[in-house]
Protein backbone atom coordinates (compact mmCIF):
# COMPACT_ATOMS: atom_id res chain seq x y z
CA MET A 1 -18.25 16.29 -29.53
CA MET A 2 -17.24 18.05 -26.33
CA ALA A 3 -17.33 14.81 -24.33
CA GLY A 4 -14.84 13.23 -26.73
CA LYS A 5 -12.28 15.94 -25.96
CA ALA A 6 -12.95 15.92 -22.23
CA ILE A 7 -11.81 12.32 -21.70
CA PRO A 8 -8.23 12.78 -23.01
CA ILE A 9 -7.91 16.04 -21.11
CA LEU A 10 -9.14 14.37 -17.93
CA ALA A 11 -6.67 11.50 -18.45
CA VAL A 12 -3.76 13.94 -18.82
CA LEU A 13 -4.81 15.82 -15.68
CA MET A 14 -5.10 12.58 -13.69
CA CYS A 15 -1.66 11.42 -14.81
CA SER A 16 -0.17 14.80 -13.91
CA ALA A 17 -1.78 14.75 -10.50
CA LEU A 18 -0.62 11.21 -9.80
CA SER A 19 2.94 11.93 -10.86
CA ALA A 20 3.03 15.11 -8.79
CA CYS A 21 1.86 13.21 -5.73
CA SER A 22 4.35 10.42 -6.21
CA LYS A 23 7.23 12.87 -6.70
CA GLY A 24 6.39 14.66 -3.45
CA ILE A 25 6.87 11.50 -1.43
CA SER A 26 10.42 10.26 -1.30
CA GLU A 27 10.21 6.94 0.45
CA GLU A 28 13.20 4.72 1.04
CA VAL A 29 12.93 1.22 -0.38
CA LYS A 30 13.56 -1.38 2.31
CA SER A 31 14.51 -4.95 1.48
CA LEU A 32 12.74 -8.15 2.38
CA THR A 33 15.65 -8.95 4.71
CA TYR A 34 15.20 -5.61 6.47
CA TYR A 35 11.52 -6.31 7.12
CA LYS A 36 12.30 -9.86 8.28
CA GLU A 37 14.62 -8.33 10.89
CA HIS A 38 12.09 -5.60 11.83
CA VAL A 39 8.82 -7.50 12.13
CA GLU A 40 6.96 -4.75 14.01
CA GLU A 41 7.71 -2.27 11.24
CA ALA A 42 6.63 -4.85 8.67
CA ASN A 43 3.32 -5.22 10.51
CA THR A 44 2.85 -1.45 10.58
CA VAL A 45 3.63 -1.05 6.88
CA PHE A 46 1.38 -4.00 6.05
CA GLY A 47 -1.50 -2.36 7.92
CA GLN A 48 -0.98 0.89 6.03
CA CYS A 49 -0.87 -1.02 2.76
CA GLN A 50 -4.10 -2.83 3.59
CA ASP A 51 -5.78 0.54 4.20
CA LEU A 52 -4.37 1.79 0.91
CA GLN A 53 -5.55 -1.33 -0.90
CA ASN A 54 -9.06 -0.98 0.50
CA ASN A 55 -9.24 2.66 -0.61
CA GLU A 56 -7.11 4.22 -3.35
CA LEU A 57 -5.65 1.08 -4.91
CA SER A 58 -9.03 -0.56 -5.32
CA ARG A 59 -10.12 2.34 -7.54
CA MET A 60 -6.98 2.43 -9.71
CA ALA A 61 -6.94 1.22 -13.26
CA PRO A 62 -4.82 -1.93 -13.76
CA ALA A 63 -2.09 0.03 -15.55
CA GLN A 64 -1.91 2.57 -12.72
CA ARG A 65 -1.78 -0.18 -10.14
CA LEU A 66 1.01 -1.93 -12.02
CA HIS A 67 2.94 1.34 -12.11
CA TRP A 68 2.33 1.83 -8.37
CA GLU A 69 3.75 -1.63 -7.61
CA GLY A 70 7.09 -0.42 -9.02
CA THR A 71 7.20 2.67 -6.78
CA PRO A 72 9.09 2.66 -3.47
CA GLN A 73 5.77 2.48 -1.61
CA GLY A 74 4.60 -0.48 -3.71
CA ILE A 75 7.90 -2.32 -3.26
CA ASN A 76 7.84 -1.72 0.50
CA CYS A 77 4.29 -3.02 0.69
CA LYS A 78 5.29 -6.20 -1.12
CA ASN A 79 8.42 -6.72 0.97
CA ALA A 80 6.60 -6.05 4.25
CA SER A 81 3.80 -8.42 3.28
CA ASP A 82 6.24 -11.18 2.29
CA ALA A 83 8.28 -10.73 5.49
CA ARG A 84 5.12 -10.82 7.58
CA SER A 85 3.96 -14.02 5.86
CA THR A 86 7.36 -15.63 6.34
CA ASN A 87 7.36 -14.68 10.03
CA ASN A 88 3.81 -15.97 10.55
CA TYR A 89 4.71 -19.28 8.92
CA LYS A 90 7.86 -19.54 11.01
CA GLN A 91 5.84 -19.00 14.20
CA TYR A 92 3.32 -21.61 13.05
CA GLN A 93 6.10 -24.15 12.45
CA GLU A 94 7.51 -23.46 15.92
CA ARG A 95 4.10 -24.02 17.51
CA MET A 96 3.68 -27.29 15.63
CA ARG A 97 7.14 -28.47 16.76
CA GLU A 98 6.23 -27.69 20.37
CA GLU A 99 2.94 -29.55 20.02
CA ALA A 100 4.71 -32.53 18.44
CA LYS A 101 7.03 -32.80 21.46
CA LYS A 102 4.02 -33.83 23.55
CA TYR A 103 3.73 -37.06 21.57
CA ARG A 104 7.33 -38.23 21.78
């Protein structure tokens, strides 16, 4: 009977701890355009997000992870990742254009 009460109490404590942590961090949301113009920062944020994904995010419940994706940190991770992918593809296209010039 005691175990049945412990689970809801533990869930409430976890939610409280998570909300306290997220309130302590006031991170500015940066747009996809911002990260496209600041590629080095996008790479840095992407690296931090990868570390986060390999540690804390991998242990989160799906509902918690979905909530995290709507936080400033989650939005910045998505925007930095998208900007980084766009930049990598752009560089790839430029390399292919240069290679194609050899055959003209």
